[in-house]
Amino acid sequence: MVLTPYPFGQDQYENPSLFASHDGFTWVVPRTISNPLVTASGGWEAGFLNDPDMIYNPDTDQLWIYYRFANLDILKMHLKRINPDLTVTKPVTIMEQSPWSQKDNRTRSFCIWWESSNRWHMWGVEVK
């Protein structure tokens, strides 16, 4: 499971974190993983991270974790990959929108679906 904690609405702590479970009730941080996977300063000026999604890519045998970075000027979607040995790759920007404002929020709470090696789907929610 990937999530971005948001304690008491403090976005500096809303950073992607990875957990694993064998029974769906007990969740642990996988060995060699350090949470959060990546951090941002928080706030609209410095930017914050949110809205993660995770898929398993059978072609690469990796977990792919997507998340957003947003500040007053730019919106980015990043990708981090978790390798089979649980090493974590550096983030890659896969989408960027600038200029951007909170009013233009069409790629929120997105969902990624891997259908096949050459067919991917992404859905987002527009918040008005």
Protein backbone atom coordinates (compact mmCIF):
# COMPACT_ATOMS: atom_id res chain seq x y z
CA MET A 1 0.00 0.00 0.00
CA VAL A 2 1.17 3.52 -0.74
CA LEU A 3 -0.25 6.47 1.14
CA THR A 4 0.46 10.08 2.00
CA PRO A 5 -0.26 10.76 5.68
CA TYR A 6 -1.94 14.12 6.28
CA PRO A 7 -1.90 14.61 10.07
CA PHE A 8 -3.99 17.58 11.20
CA GLY A 9 -3.93 19.01 7.66
CA GLN A 10 -0.16 19.62 7.75
CA ASP A 11 0.94 19.12 4.14
CA GLN A 12 4.68 19.05 4.94
CA TYR A 13 3.99 15.50 6.24
CA GLU A 14 1.91 14.45 3.22
CA ASN A 15 4.74 12.44 1.67
CA PRO A 16 4.50 9.07 -0.14
CA SER A 17 5.09 6.12 2.18
CA LEU A 18 5.09 2.39 1.43
CA PHE A 19 3.68 -0.38 3.63
CA ALA A 20 3.16 -4.13 3.15
CA SER A 21 0.84 -6.72 4.66
CA HIS A 22 0.39 -10.48 4.47
CA ASP A 23 -3.11 -10.46 5.95
CA GLY A 24 -4.60 -7.02 5.21
CA PHE A 25 -4.73 -6.16 8.91
CA THR A 26 -1.12 -5.87 10.04
CA TRP A 27 0.95 -3.37 8.05
CA VAL A 28 4.73 -2.98 8.21
CA VAL A 29 7.39 -1.01 6.39
CA PRO A 30 9.20 -3.44 4.07
CA ARG A 31 12.83 -4.20 4.91
CA THR A 32 15.32 -1.70 3.47
CA ILE A 33 12.53 0.83 2.79
CA SER A 34 12.69 4.18 4.57
CA ASN A 35 9.47 6.14 4.86
CA PRO A 36 8.66 8.61 3.61
CA LEU A 37 10.01 7.65 0.18
CA VAL A 38 10.43 11.33 -0.73
CA THR A 39 9.67 14.62 1.02
CA ALA A 40 8.71 18.19 0.19
CA SER A 41 8.80 21.28 2.38
CA GLY A 42 5.05 21.75 2.40
CA GLY A 43 2.76 24.65 1.73
CA TRP A 44 1.74 26.30 -1.50
CA GLU A 45 4.94 28.37 -1.68
CA ALA A 46 7.51 25.55 -1.26
CA GLY A 47 5.34 22.75 -2.61
CA PHE A 48 3.91 19.53 -1.27
CA LEU A 49 3.31 15.93 -2.37
CA ASN A 50 -0.02 14.13 -2.53
CA ASP A 51 -2.41 11.71 -4.25
CA PRO A 52 -0.27 8.57 -4.66
CA ASP A 53 -1.12 5.49 -6.66
CA MET A 54 0.83 2.25 -7.07
CA ILE A 55 0.85 -0.52 -9.66
CA TYR A 56 2.86 -3.66 -10.20
CA ASN A 57 4.60 -3.74 -13.61
CA PRO A 58 5.11 -7.40 -14.53
CA ASP A 59 7.36 -6.47 -17.47
CA THR A 60 9.97 -4.98 -15.13
CA ASP A 61 9.01 -6.86 -11.92
CA GLN A 62 8.75 -3.49 -10.14
CA LEU A 63 6.26 -1.56 -8.08
CA TRP A 64 5.65 1.82 -9.70
CA ILE A 65 4.56 4.59 -7.34
CA TYR A 66 3.04 7.74 -8.79
CA TYR A 67 2.43 10.95 -6.83
CA ARG A 68 1.88 14.66 -7.42
CA PHE A 69 4.03 17.66 -6.54
CA ALA A 70 2.17 20.98 -6.41
CA ASN A 71 3.04 24.56 -5.55
CA LEU A 72 1.70 27.95 -6.62
CA ASP A 73 3.27 27.77 -10.07
CA ILE A 74 3.63 24.16 -11.16
CA LEU A 75 2.01 20.76 -10.99
CA LYS A 76 4.11 17.65 -11.63
CA MET A 77 3.42 13.94 -11.57
CA HIS A 78 6.40 11.87 -10.45
CA LEU A 79 7.21 8.18 -10.67
CA LYS A 80 9.42 6.18 -8.29
CA ARG A 81 10.16 2.53 -8.94
CA ILE A 82 10.70 -0.14 -6.29
CA ASN A 83 12.96 -2.91 -7.57
CA PRO A 84 12.60 -6.60 -6.61
CA ASP A 85 15.51 -6.21 -4.15
CA LEU A 86 13.57 -3.28 -2.56
CA THR A 87 15.97 -0.61 -3.79
CA VAL A 88 14.19 2.62 -4.69
CA THR A 89 14.90 4.62 -7.83
CA LYS A 90 15.15 8.40 -8.00
CA PRO A 91 11.90 10.11 -8.96
CA VAL A 92 11.20 10.81 -12.63
CA THR A 93 8.84 13.57 -13.74
CA ILE A 94 6.33 12.05 -16.15
CA MET A 95 3.96 15.00 -16.49
CA GLU A 96 4.29 18.73 -15.84
CA GLN A 97 1.89 21.64 -16.07
CA SER A 98 3.02 25.24 -15.73
CA PRO A 99 1.57 27.74 -15.28
CA TRP A 100 -0.85 26.01 -12.97
CA SER A 101 -3.25 27.10 -10.28
CA GLN A 102 -5.31 25.27 -7.71
CA LYS A 103 -8.41 26.23 -9.75
CA ASP A 104 -7.08 24.07 -12.60
CA ASN A 105 -7.07 20.79 -10.69
CA ARG A 106 -8.02 18.14 -13.24
CA THR A 107 -5.38 15.54 -12.38
CA ARG A 108 -6.24 14.91 -8.77
CA SER A 109 -6.66 11.51 -7.12
CA PHE A 110 -5.56 9.75 -10.27
CA CYS A 111 -5.64 6.04 -10.92
CA ILE A 112 -3.13 4.23 -13.14
CA TRP A 113 -4.01 0.92 -14.78
CA TRP A 114 -1.55 -1.31 -16.66
CA GLU A 115 -3.48 -3.27 -19.28
CA SER A 116 -0.52 -4.59 -21.27
CA SER A 117 3.08 -3.71 -22.12
CA ASN A 118 1.98 -1.08 -24.61
CA ARG A 119 -1.40 -0.03 -23.19
CA TRP A 120 -1.68 2.09 -20.05
CA HIS A 121 -4.66 4.02 -18.67
CA MET A 122 -4.83 7.00 -16.31
CA TRP A 123 -7.94 8.53 -14.79
CA GLY A 124 -8.10 11.68 -12.72
CA VAL A 125 -10.77 13.50 -10.79
CA GLU A 126 -11.59 17.13 -11.51
CA VAL A 127 -12.25 19.03 -8.30
CA LYS A 128 -14.32 22.17 -8.72
